[in-house]
Amino acid sequence: MKTLRDRYGDQLRFLAIYIREAHADDEWNLTANQEDNVLVTQPTTLEQRLSLANRLVHEFDYDIPLLIDPLDNRASEAYA
């Protein structure tokens, strides 16, 4: 199955925004996260959020340009 990026990557530039952890271990833990050893707590500093974003990029070979939502979650709220 082709992704949108596979289909249109030669015509469009894609980017992602790293937002608040949806399934942080200290808030709403998922069994799948436990099984995959993706256990993270909700960041309380921008540095922690940046560190988790870097982990995503390096551990999962994430190659789409990644922006970081500030801790006030303004990007997430704007797109909600």
N, C-alpha and C. Protein backbone atom coordinates (compact mmCIF):
# COMPACT_ATOMS: atom_id res chain seq x y z
N MET A 1 0.84 -1.18 0.00
CA MET A 1 0.00 0.00 0.00
C MET A 1 0.88 1.25 0.00
N LYS A 2 0.65 2.12 -0.95
CA LYS A 2 1.42 3.34 -1.04
C LYS A 2 0.89 4.39 -0.07
N THR A 3 1.82 5.12 0.53
CA THR A 3 1.45 6.22 1.40
C THR A 3 1.26 7.48 0.54
N LEU A 4 0.70 8.51 1.15
CA LEU A 4 0.58 9.79 0.44
C LEU A 4 1.95 10.30 0.03
N ARG A 5 2.92 10.09 0.88
CA ARG A 5 4.27 10.54 0.55
C ARG A 5 4.83 9.76 -0.63
N ASP A 6 4.55 8.45 -0.68
CA ASP A 6 4.99 7.65 -1.83
C ASP A 6 4.35 8.17 -3.12
N ARG A 7 3.08 8.51 -3.04
CA ARG A 7 2.35 8.93 -4.23
C ARG A 7 2.68 10.35 -4.68
N TYR A 8 2.86 11.26 -3.72
CA TYR A 8 2.98 12.67 -4.08
C TYR A 8 4.29 13.33 -3.62
N GLY A 9 5.20 12.55 -3.10
CA GLY A 9 6.45 13.10 -2.58
C GLY A 9 7.28 13.86 -3.59
N ASP A 10 7.09 13.55 -4.87
CA ASP A 10 7.82 14.28 -5.90
C ASP A 10 7.16 15.62 -6.24
N GLN A 11 5.92 15.82 -5.74
CA GLN A 11 5.18 17.04 -6.03
C GLN A 11 5.00 17.94 -4.80
N LEU A 12 5.06 17.33 -3.61
CA LEU A 12 4.79 18.04 -2.36
C LEU A 12 5.91 17.80 -1.36
N ARG A 13 6.07 18.72 -0.45
CA ARG A 13 7.00 18.52 0.67
C ARG A 13 6.19 18.16 1.89
N PHE A 14 6.57 17.11 2.55
CA PHE A 14 5.88 16.65 3.75
C PHE A 14 6.69 17.01 4.98
N LEU A 15 5.99 17.31 6.06
CA LEU A 15 6.62 17.49 7.36
C LEU A 15 5.63 17.04 8.42
N ALA A 16 6.14 16.80 9.60
CA ALA A 16 5.31 16.36 10.72
C ALA A 16 5.58 17.28 11.91
N ILE A 17 4.65 17.28 12.83
CA ILE A 17 4.82 18.05 14.06
C ILE A 17 4.75 17.08 15.23
N TYR A 18 5.81 17.07 16.02
CA TYR A 18 5.85 16.22 17.21
C TYR A 18 5.08 16.95 18.31
N ILE A 19 3.98 16.35 18.74
CA ILE A 19 3.10 16.98 19.73
C ILE A 19 3.13 16.21 21.04
N ARG A 20 2.27 16.57 21.94
CA ARG A 20 2.11 15.91 23.23
C ARG A 20 1.99 14.40 23.04
N GLU A 21 2.62 13.64 23.94
CA GLU A 21 2.54 12.18 23.89
C GLU A 21 1.10 11.73 24.08
N ALA A 22 0.58 11.01 23.12
CA ALA A 22 -0.81 10.55 23.21
C ALA A 22 -0.96 9.41 24.21
N HIS A 23 0.08 8.59 24.34
CA HIS A 23 0.00 7.41 25.20
C HIS A 23 1.20 7.33 26.13
N ALA A 24 1.40 8.41 26.86
CA ALA A 24 2.51 8.44 27.82
C ALA A 24 2.30 7.39 28.90
N ASP A 25 3.39 6.81 29.34
CA ASP A 25 3.34 5.74 30.34
C ASP A 25 2.70 6.21 31.65
N ASP A 26 2.87 7.49 31.97
CA ASP A 26 2.32 8.01 33.22
C ASP A 26 0.90 8.55 33.08
N GLU A 27 0.30 8.41 31.89
CA GLU A 27 -1.06 8.90 31.68
C GLU A 27 -1.98 7.84 31.10
N TRP A 28 -1.68 7.37 29.92
CA TRP A 28 -2.56 6.40 29.26
C TRP A 28 -1.70 5.38 28.53
N ASN A 29 -1.25 4.40 29.27
CA ASN A 29 -0.33 3.40 28.77
C ASN A 29 -1.05 2.39 27.88
N LEU A 30 -0.40 1.99 26.79
CA LEU A 30 -0.94 0.97 25.90
C LEU A 30 -0.13 -0.31 26.02
N THR A 31 -0.79 -1.45 25.95
CA THR A 31 -0.11 -2.73 25.99
C THR A 31 0.91 -2.84 24.86
N ALA A 32 0.55 -2.35 23.68
CA ALA A 32 1.46 -2.40 22.54
C ALA A 32 2.75 -1.63 22.83
N ASN A 33 2.65 -0.52 23.53
CA ASN A 33 3.86 0.23 23.89
C ASN A 33 4.74 -0.57 24.84
N GLN A 34 4.13 -1.28 25.76
CA GLN A 34 4.89 -2.13 26.67
C GLN A 34 5.59 -3.23 25.88
N GLU A 35 4.86 -3.87 24.99
CA GLU A 35 5.43 -4.95 24.19
C GLU A 35 6.57 -4.47 23.31
N ASP A 36 6.47 -3.24 22.79
CA ASP A 36 7.50 -2.68 21.91
C ASP A 36 8.56 -1.89 22.67
N ASN A 37 8.44 -1.87 24.00
CA ASN A 37 9.37 -1.13 24.85
C ASN A 37 9.45 0.35 24.46
N VAL A 38 8.29 0.92 24.21
CA VAL A 38 8.19 2.35 23.93
C VAL A 38 7.45 2.96 25.12
N LEU A 39 8.18 3.07 26.21
CA LEU A 39 7.59 3.57 27.45
C LEU A 39 8.20 4.93 27.77
N VAL A 40 7.41 5.95 27.62
CA VAL A 40 7.88 7.31 27.87
C VAL A 40 6.87 8.04 28.75
N THR A 41 7.37 8.92 29.58
CA THR A 41 6.48 9.75 30.38
C THR A 41 6.24 11.06 29.63
N GLN A 42 5.17 11.74 30.01
CA GLN A 42 4.82 13.01 29.37
C GLN A 42 5.92 14.04 29.67
N PRO A 43 6.52 14.62 28.65
CA PRO A 43 7.56 15.63 28.89
C PRO A 43 7.01 16.83 29.64
N THR A 44 7.83 17.37 30.53
CA THR A 44 7.45 18.59 31.26
C THR A 44 8.34 19.76 30.88
N THR A 45 9.36 19.48 30.04
CA THR A 45 10.24 20.55 29.55
C THR A 45 10.38 20.39 28.04
N LEU A 46 10.72 21.47 27.38
CA LEU A 46 10.94 21.41 25.94
C LEU A 46 12.12 20.49 25.62
N GLU A 47 13.13 20.50 26.46
CA GLU A 47 14.29 19.64 26.25
C GLU A 47 13.88 18.16 26.26
N GLN A 48 12.97 17.79 27.15
CA GLN A 48 12.49 16.40 27.20
C GLN A 48 11.70 16.06 25.93
N ARG A 49 10.89 16.99 25.47
CA ARG A 49 10.13 16.75 24.24
C ARG A 49 11.07 16.61 23.04
N LEU A 50 12.09 17.45 22.98
CA LEU A 50 13.09 17.36 21.92
C LEU A 50 13.81 16.01 21.97
N SER A 51 14.13 15.56 23.16
CA SER A 51 14.81 14.28 23.33
C SER A 51 13.94 13.13 22.81
N LEU A 52 12.65 13.16 23.11
CA LEU A 52 11.75 12.11 22.61
C LEU A 52 11.60 12.18 21.10
N ALA A 53 11.56 13.37 20.56
CA ALA A 53 11.49 13.51 19.10
C ALA A 53 12.74 12.95 18.45
N ASN A 54 13.89 13.23 19.03
CA ASN A 54 15.14 12.67 18.52
C ASN A 54 15.15 11.14 18.61
N ARG A 55 14.59 10.62 19.69
CA ARG A 55 14.50 9.16 19.82
C ARG A 55 13.64 8.58 18.70
N LEU A 56 12.52 9.22 18.40
CA LEU A 56 11.66 8.77 17.30
C LEU A 56 12.45 8.73 16.00
N VAL A 57 13.13 9.81 15.70
CA VAL A 57 13.87 9.90 14.44
C VAL A 57 14.93 8.81 14.34
N HIS A 58 15.70 8.60 15.40
CA HIS A 58 16.82 7.67 15.35
C HIS A 58 16.41 6.21 15.51
N GLU A 59 15.52 5.91 16.43
CA GLU A 59 15.16 4.51 16.68
C GLU A 59 14.22 3.94 15.62
N PHE A 60 13.44 4.79 14.99
CA PHE A 60 12.46 4.30 14.02
C PHE A 60 12.78 4.77 12.60
N ASP A 61 13.98 5.28 12.39
CA ASP A 61 14.41 5.74 11.06
C ASP A 61 13.37 6.65 10.42
N TYR A 62 12.85 7.57 11.21
CA TYR A 62 11.83 8.51 10.75
C TYR A 62 12.50 9.58 9.91
N ASP A 63 12.17 9.66 8.63
CA ASP A 63 12.90 10.57 7.75
C ASP A 63 12.08 11.74 7.21
N ILE A 64 10.91 11.97 7.77
CA ILE A 64 10.14 13.15 7.40
C ILE A 64 10.60 14.31 8.30
N PRO A 65 10.83 15.49 7.74
CA PRO A 65 11.22 16.63 8.59
C PRO A 65 10.23 16.80 9.73
N LEU A 66 10.77 17.04 10.93
CA LEU A 66 9.95 17.04 12.14
C LEU A 66 10.08 18.36 12.88
N LEU A 67 8.96 19.03 13.07
CA LEU A 67 8.89 20.24 13.89
C LEU A 67 8.45 19.82 15.29
N ILE A 68 8.74 20.65 16.27
CA ILE A 68 8.39 20.33 17.66
C ILE A 68 7.38 21.36 18.15
N ASP A 69 6.24 20.85 18.63
CA ASP A 69 5.21 21.72 19.22
C ASP A 69 5.72 22.20 20.58
N PRO A 70 5.62 23.50 20.88
CA PRO A 70 6.01 23.98 22.21
C PRO A 70 5.15 23.31 23.29
N LEU A 71 5.59 23.42 24.53
CA LEU A 71 4.87 22.76 25.62
C LEU A 71 3.46 23.31 25.83
N ASP A 72 3.16 24.49 25.30
CA ASP A 72 1.79 24.99 25.42
C ASP A 72 0.87 24.33 24.39
N ASN A 73 1.43 23.46 23.55
CA ASN A 73 0.68 22.65 22.58
C ASN A 73 -0.11 23.48 21.58
N ARG A 74 0.40 24.63 21.22
CA ARG A 74 -0.34 25.53 20.33
C ARG A 74 -0.56 24.95 18.93
N ALA A 75 0.38 24.20 18.42
CA ALA A 75 0.19 23.59 17.08
C ALA A 75 -0.90 22.53 17.15
N SER A 76 -0.84 21.69 18.15
CA SER A 76 -1.84 20.64 18.31
C SER A 76 -3.24 21.25 18.45
N GLU A 77 -3.35 22.29 19.24
CA GLU A 77 -4.66 22.94 19.42
C GLU A 77 -5.13 23.62 18.14
N ALA A 78 -4.23 24.18 17.39
CA ALA A 78 -4.61 24.85 16.15
C ALA A 78 -5.16 23.86 15.12
N TYR A 79 -4.63 22.64 15.13
CA TYR A 79 -5.07 21.63 14.16
C TYR A 79 -6.17 20.73 14.70
N ALA A 80 -6.52 20.88 15.96
CA ALA A 80 -7.54 20.01 16.58
C ALA A 80 -8.92 20.24 15.98
